[in-house]
Amino acid sequence: MKLELTIGLPGWTLQDGNYDDFVVGTNRRFAIEFYSEKELNVQQSASTLERIEDSEYRGTGIIRFTSPKCWIVDFGGISAYRVDEPPQSFACGNTVGGQVYLAGR
């Protein structure tokens, strides 16, 4: 099964020299960062990722890593990080969900 995602890529990510210009037909490796205007909530459902529009998704995922500086959520084969301390009620193994924006870094 092929998974196709639409991921935002801020101009400064290219302008600061992290990547050469992108060319059609080439592959690039990068991390995926997520943002959420509203806090994610603890969920009971399985991992999902449903596109709303552009780089906005409604998803649920399992927290795989937490630290005071960042945390990682597995949205069913696509892992994304957030540079921020997770809410205190979140721990590794919790399933969380809500609306997220995916960005390449």
PDB file of N, CA and C in Angstrom:
ATOM      1  N   MET A   1       0.835  -1.174   0.000  1.00  0.00           N
ATOM      2  CA  MET A   1       0.000   0.000   0.000  1.00  0.00           C
ATOM      3  C   MET A   1       0.886   1.246   0.000  1.00  0.00           C
ATOM      4  N   LYS A   2       0.596   2.157  -0.898  1.00  0.00           N
ATOM      5  CA  LYS A   2       1.352   3.402  -1.002  1.00  0.00           C
ATOM      6  C   LYS A   2       0.620   4.497  -0.235  1.00  0.00           C
ATOM      7  N   LEU A   3       1.327   5.174   0.644  1.00  0.00           N
ATOM      8  CA  LEU A   3       0.758   6.273   1.413  1.00  0.00           C
ATOM      9  C   LEU A   3       1.230   7.576   0.816  1.00  0.00           C
ATOM     10  N   GLU A   4       0.293   8.470   0.497  1.00  0.00           N
ATOM     11  CA  GLU A   4       0.639   9.764  -0.065  1.00  0.00           C
ATOM     12  C   GLU A   4       0.217  10.855   0.910  1.00  0.00           C
ATOM     13  N   LEU A   5       1.176  11.690   1.313  1.00  0.00           N
ATOM     14  CA  LEU A   5       0.916  12.786   2.242  1.00  0.00           C
ATOM     15  C   LEU A   5       1.190  14.118   1.575  1.00  0.00           C
ATOM     16  N   THR A   6       0.456  15.132   1.975  1.00  0.00           N
ATOM     17  CA  THR A   6       0.760  16.505   1.606  1.00  0.00           C
ATOM     18  C   THR A   6       1.382  17.140   2.838  1.00  0.00           C
ATOM     19  N   ILE A   7       2.609  17.602   2.708  1.00  0.00           N
ATOM     20  CA  ILE A   7       3.359  18.137   3.845  1.00  0.00           C
ATOM     21  C   ILE A   7       3.774  19.565   3.537  1.00  0.00           C
ATOM     22  N   GLY A   8       3.549  20.451   4.488  1.00  0.00           N
ATOM     23  CA  GLY A   8       3.978  21.835   4.322  1.00  0.00           C
ATOM     24  C   GLY A   8       5.493  21.930   4.410  1.00  0.00           C
ATOM     25  N   LEU A   9       6.062  22.835   3.636  1.00  0.00           N
ATOM     26  CA  LEU A   9       7.507  23.050   3.672  1.00  0.00           C
ATOM     27  C   LEU A   9       7.760  24.554   3.680  1.00  0.00           C
ATOM     28  N   PRO A  10       7.985  25.119   4.864  1.00  0.00           N
ATOM     29  CA  PRO A  10       8.204  26.562   4.959  1.00  0.00           C
ATOM     30  C   PRO A  10       9.403  27.006   4.117  1.00  0.00           C
ATOM     31  N   GLY A  11       9.280  28.189   3.506  1.00  0.00           N
ATOM     32  CA  GLY A  11      10.345  28.702   2.655  1.00  0.00           C
ATOM     33  C   GLY A  11      11.692  28.798   3.351  1.00  0.00           C
ATOM     34  N   TRP A  12      11.680  29.147   4.649  1.00  0.00           N
ATOM     35  CA  TRP A  12      12.960  29.309   5.356  1.00  0.00           C
ATOM     36  C   TRP A  12      13.719  27.998   5.455  1.00  0.00           C
ATOM     37  N   THR A  13      13.009  26.858   5.386  1.00  0.00           N
ATOM     38  CA  THR A  13      13.688  25.563   5.452  1.00  0.00           C
ATOM     39  C   THR A  13      14.628  25.397   4.263  1.00  0.00           C
ATOM     40  N   LEU A  14      14.215  25.883   3.100  1.00  0.00           N
ATOM     41  CA  LEU A  14      15.072  25.839   1.909  1.00  0.00           C
ATOM     42  C   LEU A  14      16.069  26.992   1.906  1.00  0.00           C
ATOM     43  N   GLN A  15      15.614  28.171   2.298  1.00  0.00           N
ATOM     44  CA  GLN A  15      16.442  29.368   2.223  1.00  0.00           C
ATOM     45  C   GLN A  15      17.628  29.349   3.172  1.00  0.00           C
ATOM     46  N   ASP A  16      17.537  28.599   4.275  1.00  0.00           N
ATOM     47  CA  ASP A  16      18.662  28.591   5.221  1.00  0.00           C
ATOM     48  C   ASP A  16      19.723  27.559   4.861  1.00  0.00           C
ATOM     49  N   GLY A  17      19.559  26.907   3.706  1.00  0.00           N
ATOM     50  CA  GLY A  17      20.592  26.004   3.226  1.00  0.00           C
ATOM     51  C   GLY A  17      20.473  24.564   3.705  1.00  0.00           C
ATOM     52  N   ASN A  18      19.370  24.224   4.359  1.00  0.00           N
ATOM     53  CA  ASN A  18      19.186  22.834   4.793  1.00  0.00           C
ATOM     54  C   ASN A  18      19.111  21.874   3.616  1.00  0.00           C
ATOM     55  N   TYR A  19      18.565  22.328   2.487  1.00  0.00           N
ATOM     56  CA  TYR A  19      18.382  21.488   1.299  1.00  0.00           C
ATOM     57  C   TYR A  19      18.785  22.263   0.063  1.00  0.00           C
ATOM     58  N   ASP A  20      19.264  21.533  -0.954  1.00  0.00           N
ATOM     59  CA  ASP A  20      19.418  22.112  -2.283  1.00  0.00           C
ATOM     60  C   ASP A  20      18.019  22.245  -2.859  1.00  0.00           C
ATOM     61  N   ASP A  21      17.891  22.893  -4.018  1.00  0.00           N
ATOM     62  CA  ASP A  21      16.589  23.009  -4.672  1.00  0.00           C
ATOM     63  C   ASP A  21      16.015  21.618  -4.927  1.00  0.00           C
ATOM     64  N   PHE A  22      14.715  21.493  -4.766  1.00  0.00           N
ATOM     65  CA  PHE A  22      14.035  20.231  -5.046  1.00  0.00           C
ATOM     66  C   PHE A  22      13.848  20.107  -6.556  1.00  0.00           C
ATOM     67  N   VAL A  23      14.012  18.888  -7.078  1.00  0.00           N
ATOM     68  CA  VAL A  23      13.876  18.619  -8.496  1.00  0.00           C
ATOM     69  C   VAL A  23      12.898  17.461  -8.661  1.00  0.00           C
ATOM     70  N   VAL A  24      11.977  17.600  -9.618  1.00  0.00           N
ATOM     71  CA  VAL A  24      10.998  16.543  -9.886  1.00  0.00           C
ATOM     72  C   VAL A  24      11.719  15.235 -10.182  1.00  0.00           C
ATOM     73  N   GLY A  25      11.231  14.162  -9.581  1.00  0.00           N
ATOM     74  CA  GLY A  25      11.792  12.833  -9.820  1.00  0.00           C
ATOM     75  C   GLY A  25      12.902  12.437  -8.868  1.00  0.00           C
ATOM     76  N   THR A  26      13.294  13.321  -7.969  1.00  0.00           N
ATOM     77  CA  THR A  26      14.324  12.973  -6.990  1.00  0.00           C
ATOM     78  C   THR A  26      13.676  12.710  -5.631  1.00  0.00           C
ATOM     79  N   ASN A  27      14.360  11.969  -4.813  1.00  0.00           N
ATOM     80  CA  ASN A  27      13.884  11.664  -3.466  1.00  0.00           C
ATOM     81  C   ASN A  27      14.643  12.503  -2.450  1.00  0.00           C
ATOM     82  N   ARG A  28      13.937  12.936  -1.417  1.00  0.00           N
ATOM     83  CA  ARG A  28      14.551  13.683  -0.317  1.00  0.00           C
ATOM     84  C   ARG A  28      14.141  13.044   0.996  1.00  0.00           C
ATOM     85  N   ARG A  29      15.036  13.065   1.965  1.00  0.00           N
ATOM     86  CA  ARG A  29      14.752  12.565   3.302  1.00  0.00           C
ATOM     87  C   ARG A  29      14.664  13.761   4.240  1.00  0.00           C
ATOM     88  N   PHE A  30      13.648  13.773   5.079  1.00  0.00           N
ATOM     89  CA  PHE A  30      13.507  14.835   6.060  1.00  0.00           C
ATOM     90  C   PHE A  30      12.603  14.359   7.180  1.00  0.00           C
ATOM     91  N   ALA A  31      12.688  15.041   8.293  1.00  0.00           N
ATOM     92  CA  ALA A  31      11.821  14.738   9.429  1.00  0.00           C
ATOM     93  C   ALA A  31      10.482  15.432   9.226  1.00  0.00           C
ATOM     94  N   ILE A  32       9.447  14.888   9.847  1.00  0.00           N
ATOM     95  CA  ILE A  32       8.120  15.493   9.784  1.00  0.00           C
ATOM     96  C   ILE A  32       7.778  16.022  11.169  1.00  0.00           C
ATOM     97  N   GLU A  33       7.464  17.305  11.212  1.00  0.00           N
ATOM     98  CA  GLU A  33       7.088  17.954  12.461  1.00  0.00           C
ATOM     99  C   GLU A  33       5.586  18.186  12.432  1.00  0.00           C
ATOM    100  N   PHE A  34       4.936  18.097  13.603  1.00  0.00           N
ATOM    101  CA  PHE A  34       3.503  18.400  13.641  1.00  0.00           C
ATOM    102  C   PHE A  34       3.230  19.550  14.578  1.00  0.00           C
ATOM    103  N   TYR A  35       2.209  20.310  14.235  1.00  0.00           N
ATOM    104  CA  TYR A  35       1.699  21.396  15.062  1.00  0.00           C
ATOM    105  C   TYR A  35       0.217  21.155  15.271  1.00  0.00           C
ATOM    106  N   SER A  36      -0.311  21.694  16.318  1.00  0.00           N
ATOM    107  CA  SER A  36      -1.733  21.593  16.577  1.00  0.00           C
ATOM    108  C   SER A  36      -2.184  22.871  17.264  1.00  0.00           C
ATOM    109  N   GLU A  37      -3.099  23.603  16.618  1.00  0.00           N
ATOM    110  CA  GLU A  37      -3.589  24.838  17.231  1.00  0.00           C
ATOM    111  C   GLU A  37      -4.330  24.549  18.524  1.00  0.00           C
ATOM    112  N   LYS A  38      -5.077  23.455  18.538  1.00  0.00           N
ATOM    113  CA  LYS A  38      -5.760  23.014  19.750  1.00  0.00           C
ATOM    114  C   LYS A  38      -4.993  21.813  20.277  1.00  0.00           C
ATOM    115  N   GLU A  39      -4.915  21.691  21.589  1.00  0.00           N
ATOM    116  CA  GLU A  39      -4.193  20.568  22.171  1.00  0.00           C
ATOM    117  C   GLU A  39      -4.790  19.236  21.732  1.00  0.00           C
ATOM    118  N   LEU A  40      -3.943  18.245  21.586  1.00  0.00           N
ATOM    119  CA  LEU A  40      -4.417  16.898  21.296  1.00  0.00           C
ATOM    120  C   LEU A  40      -5.055  16.332  22.555  1.00  0.00           C
ATOM    121  N   ASN A  41      -5.938  15.373  22.374  1.00  0.00           N
ATOM    122  CA  ASN A  41      -6.635  14.736  23.491  1.00  0.00           C
ATOM    123  C   ASN A  41      -6.306  13.260  23.535  1.00  0.00           C
ATOM    124  N   VAL A  42      -6.336  12.661  24.726  1.00  0.00           N
ATOM    125  CA  VAL A  42      -6.153  11.226  24.863  1.00  0.00           C
ATOM    126  C   VAL A  42      -7.318  10.535  24.181  1.00  0.00           C
ATOM    127  N   GLN A  43      -7.036   9.528  23.376  1.00  0.00           N
ATOM    128  CA  GLN A  43      -8.031   8.794  22.596  1.00  0.00           C
ATOM    129  C   GLN A  43      -7.958   7.307  22.927  1.00  0.00           C
ATOM    130  N   GLN A  44      -8.967   6.578  22.512  1.00  0.00           N
ATOM    131  CA  GLN A  44      -8.973   5.126  22.675  1.00  0.00           C
ATOM    132  C   GLN A  44      -8.879   4.404  21.330  1.00  0.00           C
ATOM    133  N   SER A  45      -8.949   5.138  20.228  1.00  0.00           N
ATOM    134  CA  SER A  45      -8.984   4.513  18.908  1.00  0.00           C
ATOM    135  C   SER A  45      -7.582   4.210  18.376  1.00  0.00           C
ATOM    136  N   ALA A  46      -7.553   3.453  17.293  1.00  0.00           N
ATOM    137  CA  ALA A  46      -6.294   3.063  16.659  1.00  0.00           C
ATOM    138  C   ALA A  46      -5.690   4.247  15.903  1.00  0.00           C
ATOM    139  N   SER A  47      -4.445   4.107  15.466  1.00  0.00           N
ATOM    140  CA  SER A  47      -3.751   5.159  14.730  1.00  0.00           C
ATOM    141  C   SER A  47      -4.418   5.400  13.373  1.00  0.00           C
ATOM    142  N   THR A  48      -4.653   6.672  13.073  1.00  0.00           N
ATOM    143  CA  THR A  48      -5.244   7.070  11.795  1.00  0.00           C
ATOM    144  C   THR A  48      -4.657   8.407  11.379  1.00  0.00           C
ATOM    145  N   LEU A  49      -4.790   8.719  10.103  1.00  0.00           N
ATOM    146  CA  LEU A  49      -4.382  10.025   9.591  1.00  0.00           C
ATOM    147  C   LEU A  49      -5.267  10.311   8.386  1.00  0.00           C
ATOM    148  N   GLU A  50      -6.168  11.274   8.502  1.00  0.00           N
ATOM    149  CA  GLU A  50      -7.122  11.607   7.451  1.00  0.00           C
ATOM    150  C   GLU A  50      -6.911  13.057   7.028  1.00  0.00           C
ATOM    151  N   ARG A  51      -6.651  13.262   5.760  1.00  0.00           N
ATOM    152  CA  ARG A  51      -6.380  14.607   5.257  1.00  0.00           C
ATOM    153  C   ARG A  51      -7.661  15.437   5.243  1.00  0.00           C
ATOM    154  N   ILE A  52      -7.563  16.656   5.759  1.00  0.00           N
ATOM    155  CA  ILE A  52      -8.670  17.607   5.734  1.00  0.00           C
ATOM    156  C   ILE A  52      -8.496  18.513   4.522  1.00  0.00           C
ATOM    157  N   GLU A  53      -7.348  19.191   4.443  1.00  0.00           N
ATOM    158  CA  GLU A  53      -6.980  20.016   3.293  1.00  0.00           C
ATOM    159  C   GLU A  53      -5.510  20.392   3.406  1.00  0.00           C
ATOM    160  N   ASP A  54      -4.890  20.627   2.262  1.00  0.00           N
ATOM    161  CA  ASP A  54      -3.478  20.989   2.221  1.00  0.00           C
ATOM    162  C   ASP A  54      -2.677  20.096   3.171  1.00  0.00           C
ATOM    163  N   SER A  55      -2.003  20.675   4.161  1.00  0.00           N
ATOM    164  CA  SER A  55      -1.181  19.896   5.091  1.00  0.00           C
ATOM    165  C   SER A  55      -1.866  19.681   6.429  1.00  0.00           C
ATOM    166  N   GLU A  56      -3.187  19.883   6.475  1.00  0.00           N
ATOM    167  CA  GLU A  56      -3.978  19.695   7.697  1.00  0.00           C
ATOM    168  C   GLU A  56      -4.587  18.299   7.718  1.00  0.00           C
ATOM    169  N   TYR A  57      -4.467  17.644   8.861  1.00  0.00           N
ATOM    170  CA  TYR A  57      -4.975  16.280   9.021  1.00  0.00           C
ATOM    171  C   TYR A  57      -5.729  16.142  10.332  1.00  0.00           C
ATOM    172  N   ARG A  58      -6.665  15.209  10.364  1.00  0.00           N
ATOM    173  CA  ARG A  58      -7.291  14.767  11.598  1.00  0.00           C
ATOM    174  C   ARG A  58      -6.686  13.388  11.850  1.00  0.00           C
ATOM    175  N   GLY A  59      -6.098  13.214  13.019  1.00  0.00           N
ATOM    176  CA  GLY A  59      -5.419  11.944  13.234  1.00  0.00           C
ATOM    177  C   GLY A  59      -5.384  11.505  14.675  1.00  0.00           C
ATOM    178  N   THR A  60      -5.088  10.242  14.843  1.00  0.00           N
ATOM    179  CA  THR A  60      -4.805   9.676  16.158  1.00  0.00           C
ATOM    180  C   THR A  60      -3.492   8.924  16.041  1.00  0.00           C
ATOM    181  N   GLY A  61      -2.744   8.903  17.117  1.00  0.00           N
ATOM    182  CA  GLY A  61      -1.464   8.214  17.083  1.00  0.00           C
ATOM    183  C   GLY A  61      -0.984   7.875  18.477  1.00  0.00           C
ATOM    184  N   ILE A  62       0.006   7.023  18.517  1.00  0.00           N
ATOM    185  CA  ILE A  62       0.578   6.556  19.781  1.00  0.00           C
ATOM    186  C   ILE A  62       1.845   7.346  20.085  1.00  0.00           C
ATOM    187  N   ILE A  63       1.933   7.873  21.290  1.00  0.00           N
ATOM    188  CA  ILE A  63       3.141   8.584  21.708  1.00  0.00           C
ATOM    189  C   ILE A  63       4.255   7.555  21.883  1.00  0.00           C
ATOM    190  N   ARG A  64       5.348   7.734  21.138  1.00  0.00           N
ATOM    191  CA  ARG A  64       6.471   6.794  21.169  1.00  0.00           C
ATOM    192  C   ARG A  64       7.657   7.304  21.980  1.00  0.00           C
ATOM    193  N   PHE A  65       7.732   8.640  22.187  1.00  0.00           N
ATOM    194  CA  PHE A  65       8.877   9.215  22.900  1.00  0.00           C
ATOM    195  C   PHE A  65       8.437  10.530  23.520  1.00  0.00           C
ATOM    196  N   THR A  66       8.908  10.798  24.734  1.00  0.00           N
ATOM    197  CA  THR A  66       8.687  12.099  25.365  1.00  0.00           C
ATOM    198  C   THR A  66       9.964  12.547  26.057  1.00  0.00           C
ATOM    199  N   SER A  67      10.181  13.847  26.065  1.00  0.00           N
ATOM    200  CA  SER A  67      11.265  14.455  26.827  1.00  0.00           C
ATOM    201  C   SER A  67      10.804  15.866  27.158  1.00  0.00           C
ATOM    202  N   PRO A  68      11.530  16.574  27.995  1.00  0.00           N
ATOM    203  CA  PRO A  68      11.134  17.949  28.299  1.00  0.00           C
ATOM    204  C   PRO A  68      11.191  18.878  27.080  1.00  0.00           C
ATOM    205  N   LYS A  69      11.908  18.471  26.021  1.00  0.00           N
ATOM    206  CA  LYS A  69      12.080  19.364  24.870  1.00  0.00           C
ATOM    207  C   LYS A  69      11.319  18.951  23.621  1.00  0.00           C
ATOM    208  N   CYS A  70      10.913  17.681  23.510  1.00  0.00           N
ATOM    209  CA  CYS A  70      10.165  17.255  22.330  1.00  0.00           C
ATOM    210  C   CYS A  70       9.442  15.938  22.609  1.00  0.00           C
ATOM    211  N   TRP A  71       8.531  15.597  21.707  1.00  0.00           N
ATOM    212  CA  TRP A  71       7.840  14.312  21.789  1.00  0.00           C
ATOM    213  C   TRP A  71       7.505  13.832  20.387  1.00  0.00           C
ATOM    214  N   ILE A  72       7.322  12.518  20.240  1.00  0.00           N
ATOM    215  CA  ILE A  72       7.099  11.899  18.938  1.00  0.00           C
ATOM    216  C   ILE A  72       5.817  11.083  18.992  1.00  0.00           C
ATOM    217  N   VAL A  73       4.988  11.248  17.946  1.00  0.00           N
ATOM    218  CA  VAL A  73       3.734  10.505  17.829  1.00  0.00           C
ATOM    219  C   VAL A  73       3.784   9.678  16.549  1.00  0.00           C
ATOM    220  N   ASP A  74       3.411   8.404  16.639  1.00  0.00           N
ATOM    221  CA  ASP A  74       3.315   7.500  15.492  1.00  0.00           C
ATOM    222  C   ASP A  74       1.863   7.485  15.043  1.00  0.00           C
ATOM    223  N   PHE A  75       1.611   8.080  13.866  1.00  0.00           N
ATOM    224  CA  PHE A  75       0.263   8.144  13.307  1.00  0.00           C
ATOM    225  C   PHE A  75       0.007   6.960  12.376  1.00  0.00           C
ATOM    226  N   GLY A  76       0.440   5.777  12.749  1.00  0.00           N
ATOM    227  CA  GLY A  76       0.200   4.593  11.929  1.00  0.00           C
ATOM    228  C   GLY A  76       1.208   4.450  10.812  1.00  0.00           C
ATOM    229  N   GLY A  77       2.477   4.429  11.157  1.00  0.00           N
ATOM    230  CA  GLY A  77       3.533   4.260  10.166  1.00  0.00           C
ATOM    231  C   GLY A  77       4.206   5.569   9.778  1.00  0.00           C
ATOM    232  N   ILE A  78       3.602   6.688  10.097  1.00  0.00           N
ATOM    233  CA  ILE A  78       4.200   8.003   9.872  1.00  0.00           C
ATOM    234  C   ILE A  78       4.435   8.621  11.239  1.00  0.00           C
ATOM    235  N   SER A  79       5.691   8.788  11.592  1.00  0.00           N
ATOM    236  CA  SER A  79       6.015   9.399  12.879  1.00  0.00           C
ATOM    237  C   SER A  79       6.343  10.870  12.672  1.00  0.00           C
ATOM    238  N   ALA A  80       5.872  11.701  13.589  1.00  0.00           N
ATOM    239  CA  ALA A  80       6.136  13.134  13.524  1.00  0.00           C
ATOM    240  C   ALA A  80       6.511  13.615  14.921  1.00  0.00           C
ATOM    241  N   TYR A  81       7.327  14.662  14.965  1.00  0.00           N
ATOM    242  CA  TYR A  81       7.774  15.183  16.256  1.00  0.00           C
ATOM    243  C   TYR A  81       7.218  16.576  16.484  1.00  0.00           C
ATOM    244  N   ARG A  82       7.262  16.998  17.724  1.00  0.00           N
ATOM    245  CA  ARG A  82       6.888  18.361  18.098  1.00  0.00           C
ATOM    246  C   ARG A  82       7.924  18.860  19.089  1.00  0.00           C
ATOM    247  N   VAL A  83       8.507  20.030  18.794  1.00  0.00           N
ATOM    248  CA  VAL A  83       9.489  20.632  19.687  1.00  0.00           C
ATOM    249  C   VAL A  83       8.714  21.428  20.729  1.00  0.00           C
ATOM    250  N   ASP A  84       8.458  20.782  21.835  1.00  0.00           N
ATOM    251  CA  ASP A  84       7.654  21.355  22.906  1.00  0.00           C
ATOM    252  C   ASP A  84       7.546  20.290  23.988  1.00  0.00           C
ATOM    253  N   GLU A  85       7.331  20.694  25.195  1.00  0.00           N
ATOM    254  CA  GLU A  85       7.106  19.716  26.254  1.00  0.00           C
ATOM    255  C   GLU A  85       5.671  19.198  26.127  1.00  0.00           C
ATOM    256  N   PRO A  86       5.478  17.880  26.150  1.00  0.00           N
ATOM    257  CA  PRO A  86       4.114  17.361  26.051  1.00  0.00           C
ATOM    258  C   PRO A  86       3.325  17.695  27.310  1.00  0.00           C
ATOM    259  N   PRO A  87       1.987  17.738  27.209  1.00  0.00           N
ATOM    260  CA  PRO A  87       1.186  17.935  28.414  1.00  0.00           C
ATOM    261  C   PRO A  87       1.550  16.889  29.471  1.00  0.00           C
ATOM    262  N   GLN A  88       1.482  17.257  30.729  1.00  0.00           N
ATOM    263  CA  GLN A  88       1.897  16.357  31.802  1.00  0.00           C
ATOM    264  C   GLN A  88       1.120  15.056  31.833  1.00  0.00           C
ATOM    265  N   SER A  89      -0.116  15.059  31.348  1.00  0.00           N
ATOM    266  CA  SER A  89      -0.934  13.839  31.373  1.00  0.00           C
ATOM    267  C   SER A  89      -0.573  12.870  30.247  1.00  0.00           C
ATOM    268  N   PHE A  90       0.321  13.275  29.320  1.00  0.00           N
ATOM    269  CA  PHE A  90       0.713  12.414  28.206  1.00  0.00           C
ATOM    270  C   PHE A  90       1.952  11.603  28.572  1.00  0.00           C
ATOM    271  N   ALA A  91       1.934  10.323  28.220  1.00  0.00           N
ATOM    272  CA  ALA A  91       3.070   9.436  28.472  1.00  0.00           C
ATOM    273  C   ALA A  91       3.259   8.510  27.281  1.00  0.00           C
ATOM    274  N   CYS A  92       4.442   7.925  27.162  1.00  0.00           N
ATOM    275  CA  CYS A  92       4.693   6.946  26.109  1.00  0.00           C
ATOM    276  C   CYS A  92       3.634   5.852  26.189  1.00  0.00           C
ATOM    277  N   GLY A  93       3.114   5.483  25.025  1.00  0.00           N
ATOM    278  CA  GLY A  93       2.086   4.455  24.958  1.00  0.00           C
ATOM    279  C   GLY A  93       0.672   5.001  24.912  1.00  0.00           C
ATOM    280  N   ASN A  94       0.460   6.263  25.338  1.00  0.00           N
ATOM    281  CA  ASN A  94      -0.870   6.879  25.231  1.00  0.00           C
ATOM    282  C   ASN A  94      -1.220   7.074  23.764  1.00  0.00           C
ATOM    283  N   THR A  95      -2.500   6.918  23.439  1.00  0.00           N
ATOM    284  CA  THR A  95      -3.003   7.269  22.115  1.00  0.00           C
ATOM    285  C   THR A  95      -3.632   8.647  22.225  1.00  0.00           C
ATOM    286  N   VAL A  96      -3.224   9.560  21.332  1.00  0.00           N
ATOM    287  CA  VAL A  96      -3.731  10.930  21.344  1.00  0.00           C
ATOM    288  C   VAL A  96      -4.295  11.260  19.966  1.00  0.00           C
ATOM    289  N   GLY A  97      -5.162  12.244  19.914  1.00  0.00           N
ATOM    290  CA  GLY A  97      -5.747  12.598  18.630  1.00  0.00           C
ATOM    291  C   GLY A  97      -6.198  14.029  18.576  1.00  0.00           C
ATOM    292  N   GLY A  98      -6.425  14.501  17.355  1.00  0.00           N
ATOM    293  CA  GLY A  98      -6.884  15.851  17.119  1.00  0.00           C
ATOM    294  C   GLY A  98      -6.477  16.290  15.717  1.00  0.00           C
ATOM    295  N   GLN A  99      -6.584  17.575  15.451  1.00  0.00           N
ATOM    296  CA  GLN A  99      -6.220  18.141  14.171  1.00  0.00           C
ATOM    297  C   GLN A  99      -4.768  18.591  14.210  1.00  0.00           C
ATOM    298  N   VAL A 100      -3.978  18.192  13.202  1.00  0.00           N
ATOM    299  CA  VAL A 100      -2.562  18.515  13.154  1.00  0.00           C
ATOM    300  C   VAL A 100      -2.180  19.052  11.778  1.00  0.00           C
ATOM    301  N   TYR A 101      -1.135  19.860  11.754  1.00  0.00           N
ATOM    302  CA  TYR A 101      -0.512  20.355  10.541  1.00  0.00           C
ATOM    303  C   TYR A 101       0.831  19.646  10.427  1.00  0.00           C
ATOM    304  N   LEU A 102       1.114  19.027   9.288  1.00  0.00           N
ATOM    305  CA  LEU A 102       2.386  18.334   9.073  1.00  0.00           C
ATOM    306  C   LEU A 102       3.325  19.195   8.247  1.00  0.00           C
ATOM    307  N   ALA A 103       4.550  19.351   8.734  1.00  0.00           N
ATOM    308  CA  ALA A 103       5.546  20.175   8.044  1.00  0.00           C
ATOM    309  C   ALA A 103       6.860  19.416   7.935  1.00  0.00           C
ATOM    310  N   GLY A 104       7.531  19.566   6.813  1.00  0.00           N
ATOM    311  CA  GLY A 104       8.848  18.973   6.629  1.00  0.00           C
ATOM    312  C   GLY A 104       9.914  19.816   7.282  1.00  0.00           C
ATOM    313  N   ARG A 105      10.898  19.179   7.870  1.00  0.00           N
ATOM    314  CA  ARG A 105      12.006  19.898   8.520  1.00  0.00           C
ATOM    315  C   ARG A 105      13.303  19.234   8.166  1.00  0.00           C
TER     316      ARG A 105
END
